[in-house]
Amino acid sequence: MFSHKLSVISLVLIVAIFLTITGNVVFFSKILDTSLSENLGYIASLFIWLFVVLSTILLLISNQYSAKPILIIILFSSAMVSYFTNNYGTIFDENMIANTMGTNWMESIDLLSFKLLLYVVILGIIPSYWVYKVEIVHHRLPQELCRRFKVFLSLIVVFVVITLVFFKSYTLLFKEYAYLRLYINPTYYLYAIGQTINSQFKTQRMPFKVIGEDARIDRDSQHKKLVIMIAGETARADRFSLNGYQRLTNPLLTKESVLSFSQMSSCGTNTAYSLPCMFSSLGRSDYSHTQGKNMSNVLDILNHAGVEVLWRDNNSSSKGVANRVIYQDFKTSNNNHICDVECRDVGMLDGLQDYISTHKNQDILIVLHMMGSHGPAYYKRYPKAFEKFTPTCKTNQFSKCTNEMINNAYDNTIVYTDYFLSQVIALLKKNQTHQSAMLYMSDHGESLGEKGLYLHGMPYFIAPKEQTHVASIAWFDKQFSTEVTKGKKDLALSHDGLFHTLLGLFDVRTKVYEQKLDFIR
C-alpha cells in the first residue's frame, strides 16, 4: 500500500483531490441551500474548480524537498479545521487565526474530544503517513519544468472553460453568496494565515503612537474615584434577566441599583480582536491590530493623567491592552486562591481591599478580565453550587447533549457572573472614601445552536446577533449622578464608547475624548 512511486505532481494532485472532497462538506451543504443548487452541472463544476485552484497553489509551493512537509502540515491543519467547521460552524478567517494563536493550553484542553481525535486520525494521520511513505520519483530540471508547464496549462484551460460555461452561476456566487468562500478548506484558512502573519509584521514595524498626552484630571470635588471595570467573556445580553430573559439569571443584581445597557453591540466576535478594540479610541469601523496595538489605549491615557491602573486576569491574557500598566495573572493558584477544576473569577477580588487602602489618596481603576462563560466547556465555568438549571451538558462535545442541556449549562455561567458582579459591588460599598462605580462589559456573545452555529468568532459582517449583542451593566454609589445614564440604558450603544466613558468617569479632559460617545455623561 505504501510502496508507491509518484512524481511530486502526481502526489500533489492526489492530495488536492482528497482535501477538496473531505474538507468542504459545510461549503457544499451551504451551496445546496442556495438557488445555485438547482444546477447540478454547476455543483460538479464547482468541485473541479476548487480542485484546480488548490492544485495550482500546492504545485507552486511544492518541490521534491518541500512537498511532503507542506502536504503533511496542510493535511493535519485541514483535519482540525474540518472538525470545528463541521461541528460548530466555525470560520477560520484572519481574526479567528489570531484568536487561535492567542489561545493558551488550558483553553485548548477544553476543545479536546474523542471526535476531534477521530478527525485528526482519519483525515490527518492516515493520509499523512501515506504521503510520508510514498517514494518521490525525481526528474531532471528541464523535464520537471516541462511536465509542470503542461500541468499548469491544463489546469488553466480547465479553469477558464468551467468559468465560461457556468459564468452566470459563478457571477451569482461572487455577488450574492460571496461569504461562502469563507468555508472553503484549505484555501481560505491558508489565505487567512498569510494575512495574519503579514499583519503581525506590519504591527512590529509600525512605530508606537502616543495619544492623549494632554490628559489631565479636572474636577472640583476632592473625592478620589474608584472604578472597577469588568471585562466579561462570552456573555449574551439576552441571557440576563435584567434585560427581560424569562429565567432568573440575575437573582442578586436585581436587588441592586444597577443599570443594564440592554442594546450594547460588541466590537468583534472573539476576544483577540474585541478586547483590544474595546479599550482603543479607534472604534470598530477603524480598528485594526496594526494601528490599535501600536497606539495608546485608554489605560495608558488614564495612567498618564495620574490614575492608578491595575489589571487582573483570569482569562488567557490582556491581548496587549495591559502591556504598559500593572498586570497580575490570576489564572493559576500562585495568585488565585479560589481554584477547583479551574481558578474562579471571584478569586480576583482577593487582596483588592488592601490594594485600595494602600492607594486611598489616588484615583484607582481596576480591570478584572473574567473567564466568564467561555465555551464549549460551560460546565467548568461555575462551581457546583451555581448549577441552578438542569440537566446540563457536562462535555465539550455538543453532539452528545441536547440543546436544552447546552443552554442550561450556559445559563448557569450567567448565574455565576451575577454572583461575581454582586461581590464586586459589595467590595465597592465598603469604600466610602472614594466615589465608586462598577462597569461590566462582555467582549462578545455566543451562539448556542441558533441556525446551526455554536461558540463565536464568525466574521462580523455575517455574525448573528447572538455573537454581537452583549451584556453590559453599570453600578454607581450615591455620590455619582446617573440621570443621563438612565436615559441611555435602552439606546443602541457599542464598545466604541468604552474609551470615552472611562475617561469621563475619572473627569479626564483631553482632545481625544468625545462626550457624545460617553455612556455616563
Protein backbone atom coordinates (compact mmCIF):
# COMPACT_ATOMS: atom_id res chain seq x y z
CA MET A 1 0.00 0.00 0.00
CA PHE A 2 2.78 2.43 0.93
CA SER A 3 5.34 1.38 -1.70
CA HIS A 4 4.04 3.66 -4.44
CA LYS A 5 6.42 5.70 -6.51
CA LEU A 6 4.97 9.02 -7.56
CA SER A 7 6.17 12.27 -9.00
CA VAL A 8 5.69 15.45 -6.99
CA ILE A 9 2.98 16.48 -9.44
CA SER A 10 1.01 13.25 -9.03
CA LEU A 11 1.36 13.37 -5.24
CA VAL A 12 0.08 16.95 -5.09
CA LEU A 13 -2.89 16.21 -7.35
CA ILE A 14 -3.93 13.18 -5.27
CA VAL A 15 -3.74 15.14 -2.01
CA ALA A 16 -5.63 18.04 -3.61
CA ILE A 17 -8.47 15.70 -4.60
CA PHE A 18 -8.57 14.26 -1.07
CA LEU A 19 -8.65 17.71 0.58
CA THR A 20 -11.31 19.01 -1.80
CA ILE A 21 -13.58 16.05 -1.06
CA THR A 22 -13.09 15.75 2.71
CA GLY A 23 -12.57 19.38 3.70
CA ASN A 24 -15.57 21.08 2.13
CA VAL A 25 -18.63 19.32 3.49
CA VAL A 26 -20.04 22.50 5.03
CA PHE A 27 -19.21 24.58 1.94
CA PHE A 28 -21.13 22.27 -0.41
CA SER A 29 -24.00 21.84 2.05
CA LYS A 30 -24.41 25.62 2.13
CA ILE A 31 -24.24 25.76 -1.67
CA LEU A 32 -27.10 23.26 -1.75
CA ASP A 33 -29.14 25.62 0.43
CA THR A 34 -28.91 28.40 -2.17
CA SER A 35 -30.64 28.91 -5.51
CA LEU A 36 -27.49 27.57 -7.16
CA SER A 37 -28.40 24.05 -6.01
CA GLU A 38 -30.81 23.67 -8.93
CA ASN A 39 -27.90 23.45 -11.38
CA LEU A 40 -26.27 20.06 -10.74
CA GLY A 41 -23.77 20.64 -13.54
CA TYR A 42 -22.59 23.77 -11.77
CA ILE A 43 -22.23 21.89 -8.44
CA ALA A 44 -19.99 19.34 -10.18
CA SER A 45 -18.02 22.10 -11.88
CA LEU A 46 -17.53 23.82 -8.54
CA PHE A 47 -15.77 20.75 -7.17
CA ILE A 48 -13.43 20.73 -10.18
CA TRP A 49 -12.94 24.49 -9.85
CA LEU A 50 -11.86 24.17 -6.21
CA PHE A 51 -9.58 21.26 -7.08
CA VAL A 52 -7.91 23.28 -9.85
CA VAL A 53 -7.31 26.29 -7.59
CA LEU A 54 -5.90 24.18 -4.76
CA SER A 55 -3.71 22.10 -7.10
CA THR A 56 -2.26 25.23 -8.65
CA ILE A 57 -1.39 26.70 -5.25
CA LEU A 58 0.19 23.49 -3.98
CA LEU A 59 2.22 22.97 -7.14
CA LEU A 60 3.60 26.49 -6.90
CA ILE A 61 4.98 25.88 -3.40
CA SER A 62 5.97 22.20 -3.69
CA ASN A 63 9.15 20.64 -4.98
CA GLN A 64 10.91 17.33 -4.34
CA TYR A 65 12.15 18.55 -0.94
CA SER A 66 9.23 20.64 0.32
CA ALA A 67 6.27 18.64 -0.99
CA LYS A 68 5.96 16.11 1.84
CA PRO A 69 6.33 18.55 4.77
CA ILE A 70 3.91 21.02 3.20
CA LEU A 71 1.28 18.41 2.37
CA ILE A 72 1.51 16.76 5.81
CA ILE A 73 1.12 20.11 7.62
CA ILE A 74 -1.88 21.01 5.45
CA LEU A 75 -3.50 17.61 5.97
CA PHE A 76 -3.23 17.94 9.75
CA SER A 77 -4.44 21.54 9.89
CA SER A 78 -7.27 20.87 7.41
CA ALA A 79 -8.45 17.93 9.52
CA MET A 80 -8.76 20.20 12.57
CA VAL A 81 -10.42 22.98 10.59
CA SER A 82 -12.93 20.43 9.24
CA TYR A 83 -13.76 19.31 12.77
CA PHE A 84 -14.54 22.80 14.07
CA THR A 85 -16.34 23.89 10.91
CA ASN A 86 -18.45 20.73 10.68
CA ASN A 87 -19.36 20.62 14.38
CA TYR A 88 -19.52 24.28 15.45
CA GLY A 89 -19.84 26.21 12.20
CA THR A 90 -16.51 27.94 12.90
CA ILE A 91 -14.96 30.08 10.16
CA PHE A 92 -11.19 30.45 10.18
CA ASP A 93 -10.68 33.99 8.94
CA GLU A 94 -7.86 36.36 9.94
CA ASN A 95 -9.44 37.20 13.30
CA MET A 96 -10.06 33.57 14.19
CA ILE A 97 -6.48 32.66 13.26
CA ALA A 98 -5.22 35.44 15.55
CA ASN A 99 -7.58 34.27 18.28
CA THR A 100 -6.35 30.68 17.87
CA MET A 101 -2.72 31.80 18.13
CA GLY A 102 -3.57 33.63 21.36
CA THR A 103 -5.30 30.63 22.96
CA ASN A 104 -3.44 29.19 25.95
CA TRP A 105 -3.03 25.49 26.68
CA MET A 106 -5.78 25.42 29.31
CA GLU A 107 -8.33 26.76 26.83
CA SER A 108 -7.06 24.26 24.25
CA ILE A 109 -7.73 21.37 26.64
CA ASP A 110 -11.40 22.39 26.76
CA LEU A 111 -11.57 21.85 22.99
CA LEU A 112 -10.13 18.31 23.01
CA SER A 113 -12.51 15.44 22.37
CA PHE A 114 -12.62 11.88 21.05
CA LYS A 115 -14.40 13.14 17.94
CA LEU A 116 -11.60 15.61 17.27
CA LEU A 117 -9.14 12.73 17.63
CA LEU A 118 -11.08 10.74 15.01
CA TYR A 119 -10.93 13.66 12.59
CA VAL A 120 -7.19 14.02 13.14
CA VAL A 121 -6.55 10.27 12.72
CA ILE A 122 -8.77 9.69 9.68
CA LEU A 123 -8.20 12.97 7.83
CA GLY A 124 -4.74 13.80 9.15
CA ILE A 125 -2.56 10.94 10.41
CA ILE A 126 -3.53 8.18 7.95
CA PRO A 127 -3.19 10.25 4.75
CA SER A 128 -0.07 11.94 6.14
CA TYR A 129 1.53 8.56 6.75
CA TRP A 130 0.74 7.59 3.18
CA VAL A 131 2.36 10.82 1.94
CA TYR A 132 5.39 10.12 4.14
CA LYS A 133 5.85 6.59 2.78
CA VAL A 134 5.42 7.47 -0.89
CA GLU A 135 8.70 7.38 -2.79
CA ILE A 136 9.06 10.50 -4.88
CA VAL A 137 10.34 9.99 -8.40
CA HIS A 138 12.89 12.63 -9.30
CA HIS A 139 13.20 14.14 -12.76
CA ARG A 140 15.83 16.31 -14.31
CA LEU A 141 15.11 20.02 -14.02
CA PRO A 142 14.28 20.57 -17.74
CA GLN A 143 11.97 17.56 -17.71
CA GLU A 144 10.31 18.64 -14.45
CA LEU A 145 9.76 22.17 -15.76
CA CYS A 146 8.24 20.81 -18.96
CA ARG A 147 5.89 18.50 -17.01
CA ARG A 148 4.82 21.31 -14.71
CA PHE A 149 4.20 23.64 -17.62
CA LYS A 150 1.88 21.08 -19.22
CA VAL A 151 0.00 20.53 -15.96
CA PHE A 152 -0.33 24.25 -15.26
CA LEU A 153 -1.56 24.84 -18.80
CA SER A 154 -4.11 22.04 -18.43
CA LEU A 155 -5.32 23.43 -15.11
CA ILE A 156 -5.65 26.94 -16.54
CA VAL A 157 -7.62 25.65 -19.54
CA VAL A 158 -9.98 23.70 -17.28
CA PHE A 159 -10.39 26.73 -15.01
CA VAL A 160 -11.22 29.06 -17.90
CA VAL A 161 -13.58 26.62 -19.62
CA ILE A 162 -15.54 25.89 -16.44
CA THR A 163 -15.77 29.57 -15.55
CA LEU A 164 -17.04 30.48 -19.04
CA VAL A 165 -19.56 27.64 -19.24
CA PHE A 166 -21.06 28.49 -15.85
CA PHE A 167 -20.27 32.19 -15.93
CA LYS A 168 -23.72 33.33 -14.70
CA SER A 169 -23.65 30.93 -11.76
CA TYR A 170 -20.14 31.98 -10.73
CA THR A 171 -21.11 35.64 -11.02
CA LEU A 172 -24.09 34.99 -8.75
CA LEU A 173 -21.86 33.11 -6.31
CA PHE A 174 -19.39 36.00 -6.05
CA LYS A 175 -22.08 38.68 -5.83
CA GLU A 176 -24.87 37.17 -3.76
CA TYR A 177 -23.07 34.44 -1.83
CA ALA A 178 -19.55 35.83 -1.51
CA TYR A 179 -19.45 34.91 2.19
CA LEU A 180 -19.45 31.19 1.27
CA ARG A 181 -15.80 31.49 0.24
CA LEU A 182 -15.00 31.66 3.97
CA TYR A 183 -15.91 27.96 4.26
CA ILE A 184 -13.51 26.73 1.55
CA ASN A 185 -10.96 24.38 3.11
CA PRO A 186 -7.97 24.69 2.95
CA THR A 187 -7.54 27.68 0.63
CA TYR A 188 -9.35 30.25 2.77
CA TYR A 189 -7.65 29.48 6.07
CA LEU A 190 -4.26 29.40 4.29
CA TYR A 191 -5.05 32.87 2.94
CA ALA A 192 -6.10 33.98 6.44
CA ILE A 193 -2.83 32.68 7.93
CA GLY A 194 -0.90 34.69 5.35
CA GLN A 195 -2.91 37.81 6.20
CA THR A 196 -2.34 37.29 9.93
CA ILE A 197 1.41 36.89 9.52
CA ASN A 198 1.54 39.97 7.30
CA SER A 199 -0.46 41.95 9.87
CA GLN A 200 1.93 40.95 12.65
CA PHE A 201 4.93 42.06 10.61
CA LYS A 202 3.23 45.39 9.95
CA THR A 203 2.42 45.74 13.65
CA GLN A 204 6.03 45.13 14.65
CA ARG A 205 7.40 47.60 12.10
CA MET A 206 4.98 50.41 12.89
CA PRO A 207 6.23 52.94 15.49
CA PHE A 208 4.16 53.33 18.64
CA LYS A 209 1.82 56.34 18.53
CA VAL A 210 1.27 58.17 21.81
CA ILE A 211 -2.07 59.95 22.10
CA GLY A 212 -3.75 61.81 24.95
CA GLU A 213 -0.58 63.44 26.25
CA ASP A 214 -2.71 66.47 27.19
CA ALA A 215 -4.86 64.33 29.51
CA ARG A 216 -5.46 65.74 32.99
CA ILE A 217 -7.99 65.18 35.76
CA ASP A 218 -10.36 68.14 36.00
CA ARG A 219 -12.79 68.07 38.92
CA ASP A 220 -13.85 70.37 41.76
CA SER A 221 -14.51 67.65 44.31
CA GLN A 222 -11.60 66.42 46.42
CA HIS A 223 -13.07 62.94 46.47
CA LYS A 224 -10.95 60.40 44.65
CA LYS A 225 -12.64 57.92 42.34
CA LEU A 226 -12.55 54.14 42.39
CA VAL A 227 -13.80 52.30 39.31
CA ILE A 228 -13.77 48.54 38.83
CA MET A 229 -14.12 47.68 35.16
CA ILE A 230 -15.01 44.05 34.47
CA ALA A 231 -14.17 42.73 31.02
CA GLY A 232 -16.70 39.92 30.66
CA GLU A 233 -16.32 36.85 28.49
CA THR A 234 -18.86 35.42 26.05
CA ALA A 235 -21.92 36.89 27.82
CA ARG A 236 -25.03 37.41 25.70
CA ALA A 237 -27.33 40.28 26.63
CA ASP A 238 -30.45 38.22 26.02
CA ARG A 239 -29.48 35.72 28.74
CA PHE A 240 -29.57 38.33 31.51
CA SER A 241 -32.89 38.51 33.33
CA LEU A 242 -32.12 42.21 33.81
CA ASN A 243 -32.81 42.51 30.08
CA GLY A 244 -36.04 40.53 30.14
CA TYR A 245 -34.83 36.92 29.92
CA GLN A 246 -37.56 34.68 31.32
CA ARG A 247 -35.16 32.77 33.56
CA LEU A 248 -33.88 34.43 36.73
CA THR A 249 -30.19 34.50 35.85
CA ASN A 250 -29.56 37.71 37.84
CA PRO A 251 -31.08 37.00 41.26
CA LEU A 252 -28.54 39.13 43.13
CA LEU A 253 -28.15 42.06 40.72
CA THR A 254 -31.91 42.58 40.67
CA LYS A 255 -31.56 43.59 44.35
CA GLU A 256 -29.00 46.27 43.47
CA SER A 257 -29.48 49.65 41.81
CA VAL A 258 -27.78 48.64 38.60
CA LEU A 259 -28.23 49.93 35.08
CA SER A 260 -28.24 47.40 32.27
CA PHE A 261 -27.33 48.78 28.85
CA SER A 262 -29.69 46.43 27.03
CA GLN A 263 -28.68 47.27 23.46
CA MET A 264 -24.89 47.04 23.60
CA SER A 265 -23.02 45.85 20.49
CA SER A 266 -19.53 44.38 20.55
CA CYS A 267 -16.51 45.46 18.58
CA GLY A 268 -15.76 41.93 17.43
CA THR A 269 -16.80 38.31 17.84
CA ASN A 270 -13.68 36.93 19.51
CA THR A 271 -11.51 38.01 22.43
CA ALA A 272 -8.28 38.54 20.49
CA TYR A 273 -9.94 41.23 18.37
CA SER A 274 -12.68 42.61 20.59
CA LEU A 275 -10.74 43.12 23.83
CA PRO A 276 -8.05 45.50 22.45
CA CYS A 277 -10.69 47.19 20.29
CA MET A 278 -12.83 47.90 23.37
CA PHE A 279 -10.07 49.90 25.05
CA SER A 280 -8.95 51.65 21.85
CA SER A 281 -10.01 55.09 20.65
CA LEU A 282 -10.41 53.86 17.07
CA GLY A 283 -13.83 52.23 17.26
CA ARG A 284 -14.98 49.15 15.38
CA SER A 285 -15.08 50.73 11.91
CA ASP A 286 -11.47 51.92 12.09
CA TYR A 287 -9.83 49.38 14.38
CA SER A 288 -7.08 47.05 13.22
CA HIS A 289 -4.39 45.33 15.24
CA THR A 290 -1.75 47.11 13.19
CA GLN A 291 -2.99 50.51 14.36
CA GLY A 292 -4.68 49.68 17.65
CA LYS A 293 -1.81 47.77 19.23
CA ASN A 294 0.63 50.49 18.24
CA MET A 295 -1.28 53.30 19.88
CA SER A 296 -2.02 54.41 23.43
CA ASN A 297 -5.23 52.91 24.76
CA VAL A 298 -7.47 54.33 27.47
CA LEU A 299 -5.49 52.61 30.25
CA ASP A 300 -2.31 54.34 29.08
CA ILE A 301 -4.03 57.73 28.99
CA LEU A 302 -5.61 57.31 32.44
CA ASN A 303 -2.26 56.21 33.85
CA HIS A 304 -0.60 59.25 32.28
CA ALA A 305 -3.26 61.50 33.85
CA GLY A 306 -2.49 60.17 37.32
CA VAL A 307 -4.94 57.29 37.75
CA GLU A 308 -3.54 54.16 39.40
CA VAL A 309 -4.32 51.31 36.97
CA LEU A 310 -4.29 47.60 37.85
CA TRP A 311 -5.22 44.72 35.52
CA ARG A 312 -6.06 41.29 36.98
CA ASP A 313 -6.57 38.45 34.52
CA ASN A 314 -8.38 35.13 34.90
CA ASN A 315 -8.58 34.62 31.15
CA SER A 316 -5.89 33.91 28.55
CA SER A 317 -4.26 37.37 28.68
CA SER A 318 -4.99 41.06 28.17
CA LYS A 319 -4.24 40.68 24.43
CA GLY A 320 -1.73 43.53 24.76
CA VAL A 321 -4.11 46.00 26.43
CA ALA A 322 -2.28 45.94 29.78
CA ASN A 323 1.26 45.84 28.43
CA ARG A 324 2.13 49.20 30.00
CA VAL A 325 0.27 49.02 33.31
CA ILE A 326 0.47 46.74 36.36
CA TYR A 327 -0.64 43.23 35.31
CA GLN A 328 -1.40 40.28 37.59
CA ASP A 329 -2.13 36.74 36.38
CA PHE A 330 -4.94 35.04 38.33
CA LYS A 331 -5.22 32.04 36.02
CA THR A 332 -3.14 29.87 38.35
CA SER A 333 -3.18 29.16 42.08
CA ASN A 334 0.01 31.20 42.54
CA ASN A 335 -2.14 34.33 42.89
CA ASN A 336 -5.68 32.95 42.80
CA HIS A 337 -6.52 31.07 45.97
CA ILE A 338 -10.02 30.06 44.85
CA CYS A 339 -9.39 27.21 42.42
CA ASP A 340 -11.08 23.79 41.98
CA VAL A 341 -11.49 22.38 38.48
CA GLU A 342 -10.18 25.78 37.42
CA CYS A 343 -9.39 29.11 39.05
CA ARG A 344 -12.55 31.11 39.71
CA ASP A 345 -13.25 34.70 38.74
CA VAL A 346 -14.17 35.62 42.30
CA GLY A 347 -10.56 34.86 43.28
CA MET A 348 -9.54 38.09 41.56
CA LEU A 349 -11.13 40.01 44.45
CA ASP A 350 -8.69 38.54 46.94
CA GLY A 351 -6.46 41.27 48.38
CA LEU A 352 -8.16 44.06 46.46
CA GLN A 353 -9.23 45.83 49.64
CA ASP A 354 -5.61 46.03 50.75
CA TYR A 355 -4.67 47.41 47.33
CA ILE A 356 -7.42 50.04 47.53
CA SER A 357 -6.46 51.03 51.07
CA THR A 358 -2.82 51.41 50.03
CA HIS A 359 -3.89 53.88 47.30
CA LYS A 360 -6.67 55.65 49.23
CA ASN A 361 -5.37 59.07 48.21
CA GLN A 362 -5.35 58.24 44.50
CA ASP A 363 -7.86 57.69 41.71
CA ILE A 364 -7.98 53.96 41.01
CA LEU A 365 -9.05 51.91 38.00
CA ILE A 366 -9.07 48.14 38.48
CA VAL A 367 -9.76 45.95 35.43
CA LEU A 368 -10.84 42.36 36.07
CA HIS A 369 -10.73 40.13 33.00
CA MET A 370 -13.15 37.24 33.60
CA MET A 371 -13.19 33.66 32.38
CA GLY A 372 -16.95 34.20 32.41
CA SER A 373 -18.93 31.97 30.04
CA HIS A 374 -16.12 30.76 27.80
CA GLY A 375 -17.15 27.63 25.87
CA PRO A 376 -17.52 24.93 24.91
CA ALA A 377 -16.96 23.52 28.43
CA TYR A 378 -19.57 25.75 30.07
CA TYR A 379 -19.99 23.26 32.92
CA LYS A 380 -16.47 24.11 34.12
CA ARG A 381 -17.17 27.82 34.37
CA TYR A 382 -19.07 27.73 37.65
CA PRO A 383 -18.91 25.88 41.00
CA LYS A 384 -21.46 23.14 41.65
CA ALA A 385 -23.45 25.42 43.96
CA PHE A 386 -24.42 27.59 40.95
CA GLU A 387 -25.90 24.74 38.89
CA LYS A 388 -29.39 26.21 39.03
CA PHE A 389 -30.67 24.96 35.68
CA THR A 390 -30.55 21.22 34.96
CA PRO A 391 -29.87 18.88 33.24
CA THR A 392 -26.58 20.32 32.00
CA CYS A 393 -24.15 19.40 29.25
CA LYS A 394 -21.07 18.07 31.03
CA THR A 395 -18.89 17.61 27.96
CA ASN A 396 -17.33 19.82 25.30
CA GLN A 397 -18.88 17.65 22.58
CA PHE A 398 -22.22 19.29 21.89
CA SER A 399 -23.32 16.39 19.69
CA LYS A 400 -23.67 14.32 22.87
CA CYS A 401 -26.00 16.85 24.51
CA THR A 402 -29.46 18.16 23.81
CA ASN A 403 -29.86 21.83 23.06
CA GLU A 404 -31.63 22.21 26.42
CA MET A 405 -28.59 20.81 28.27
CA ILE A 406 -26.22 23.15 26.43
CA ASN A 407 -28.38 26.16 27.21
CA ASN A 408 -28.79 25.15 30.85
CA ALA A 409 -25.02 24.96 31.33
CA TYR A 410 -24.54 28.33 29.64
CA ASP A 411 -27.26 29.98 31.73
CA ASN A 412 -25.56 28.68 34.88
CA THR A 413 -22.42 30.60 33.87
CA ILE A 414 -24.53 33.77 33.80
CA VAL A 415 -25.79 32.99 37.31
CA TYR A 416 -22.19 32.77 38.49
CA THR A 417 -21.34 36.02 36.70
CA ASP A 418 -24.26 37.59 38.58
CA TYR A 419 -22.72 36.43 41.85
CA PHE A 420 -19.28 37.74 40.89
CA LEU A 421 -20.62 41.17 39.99
CA SER A 422 -22.61 41.33 43.23
CA GLN A 423 -19.38 40.63 45.12
CA VAL A 424 -17.66 43.48 43.26
CA ILE A 425 -20.47 45.83 44.28
CA ALA A 426 -20.22 44.67 47.90
CA LEU A 427 -16.50 45.49 47.84
CA LEU A 428 -17.14 48.96 46.42
CA LYS A 429 -19.77 49.71 49.06
CA LYS A 430 -17.11 49.28 51.75
CA ASN A 431 -15.01 52.08 50.29
CA GLN A 432 -16.80 55.31 51.16
CA THR A 433 -13.60 57.37 50.92
CA HIS A 434 -13.85 57.10 47.14
CA GLN A 435 -16.62 57.83 44.68
CA SER A 436 -17.16 54.27 43.47
CA ALA A 437 -18.50 52.73 40.28
CA MET A 438 -18.59 49.35 38.57
CA LEU A 439 -18.77 48.91 34.81
CA TYR A 440 -19.20 45.44 33.32
CA MET A 441 -18.98 44.77 29.61
CA SER A 442 -18.66 41.46 27.78
CA ASP A 443 -16.20 41.21 24.90
CA HIS A 444 -18.54 39.28 22.59
CA GLY A 445 -21.55 36.96 22.64
CA GLU A 446 -22.09 33.31 21.86
CA SER A 447 -24.12 31.11 19.50
CA LEU A 448 -25.92 28.27 21.27
CA GLY A 449 -27.29 26.31 18.33
CA GLU A 450 -29.22 29.07 16.57
CA LYS A 451 -29.01 28.49 12.79
CA GLY A 452 -26.76 25.50 13.48
CA LEU A 453 -23.99 27.68 14.92
CA TYR A 454 -22.12 27.26 18.19
CA LEU A 455 -19.47 29.25 20.07
CA HIS A 456 -18.33 32.54 18.50
CA GLY A 457 -15.81 34.06 16.10
CA MET A 458 -17.91 34.48 12.96
CA PRO A 459 -16.78 37.30 10.63
CA TYR A 460 -18.63 40.39 11.81
CA PHE A 461 -20.43 41.07 8.54
CA ILE A 462 -22.26 37.73 8.73
CA ALA A 463 -22.17 37.22 12.50
CA PRO A 464 -25.57 36.53 14.08
CA LYS A 465 -26.86 38.91 16.73
CA GLU A 466 -26.19 36.27 19.39
CA GLN A 467 -22.45 36.85 18.91
CA THR A 468 -22.53 40.67 18.86
CA HIS A 469 -25.34 41.66 21.27
CA VAL A 470 -23.50 41.69 24.59
CA ALA A 471 -24.27 42.23 28.23
CA SER A 472 -23.20 45.50 29.86
CA ILE A 473 -24.03 46.65 33.39
CA ALA A 474 -23.16 49.70 35.48
CA TRP A 475 -23.45 50.43 39.19
CA PHE A 476 -22.72 53.76 40.93
CA ASP A 477 -22.61 54.76 44.55
CA LYS A 478 -24.78 57.67 45.73
CA GLN A 479 -22.07 60.22 45.00
CA PHE A 480 -22.45 59.67 41.25
CA SER A 481 -25.18 61.38 39.25
CA THR A 482 -26.71 58.86 36.83
CA GLU A 483 -29.73 60.70 35.47
CA VAL A 484 -28.29 60.99 31.97
CA THR A 485 -27.12 57.39 32.10
CA LYS A 486 -30.62 56.11 32.90
CA GLY A 487 -31.87 57.72 29.72
CA LYS A 488 -29.28 55.84 27.70
CA LYS A 489 -29.77 52.36 29.11
CA ASP A 490 -32.06 51.17 26.28
CA LEU A 491 -30.40 53.10 23.45
CA ALA A 492 -28.29 51.42 20.79
CA LEU A 493 -24.73 51.64 22.18
CA SER A 494 -21.48 49.92 21.31
CA HIS A 495 -17.98 49.17 22.54
CA ASP A 496 -16.92 52.35 20.73
CA GLY A 497 -18.00 54.30 23.81
CA LEU A 498 -15.95 52.46 26.45
CA PHE A 499 -12.79 54.51 25.79
CA HIS A 500 -14.63 57.79 26.31
CA THR A 501 -16.76 56.50 29.20
CA LEU A 502 -13.71 55.53 31.26
CA LEU A 503 -12.15 58.93 30.62
CA GLY A 504 -15.40 60.61 31.63
CA LEU A 505 -15.77 58.59 34.81
CA PHE A 506 -12.44 59.98 36.02
CA ASP A 507 -13.17 63.52 34.78
CA VAL A 508 -10.18 63.35 32.44
CA ARG A 509 -10.01 66.14 29.90
CA THR A 510 -8.16 65.52 26.66
CA LYS A 511 -8.62 66.26 22.96
CA VAL A 512 -9.22 62.58 22.21
CA TYR A 513 -12.28 62.48 24.50
CA GLU A 514 -15.70 62.68 22.80
CA GLN A 515 -18.58 63.36 25.15
CA LYS A 516 -21.23 62.14 22.70
CA LEU A 517 -19.77 58.63 22.94
CA ASP A 518 -19.66 58.65 26.75
CA PHE A 519 -22.37 56.39 28.25
CA ILE A 520 -22.31 58.21 31.58
CA ARG A 521 -22.11 61.93 30.79
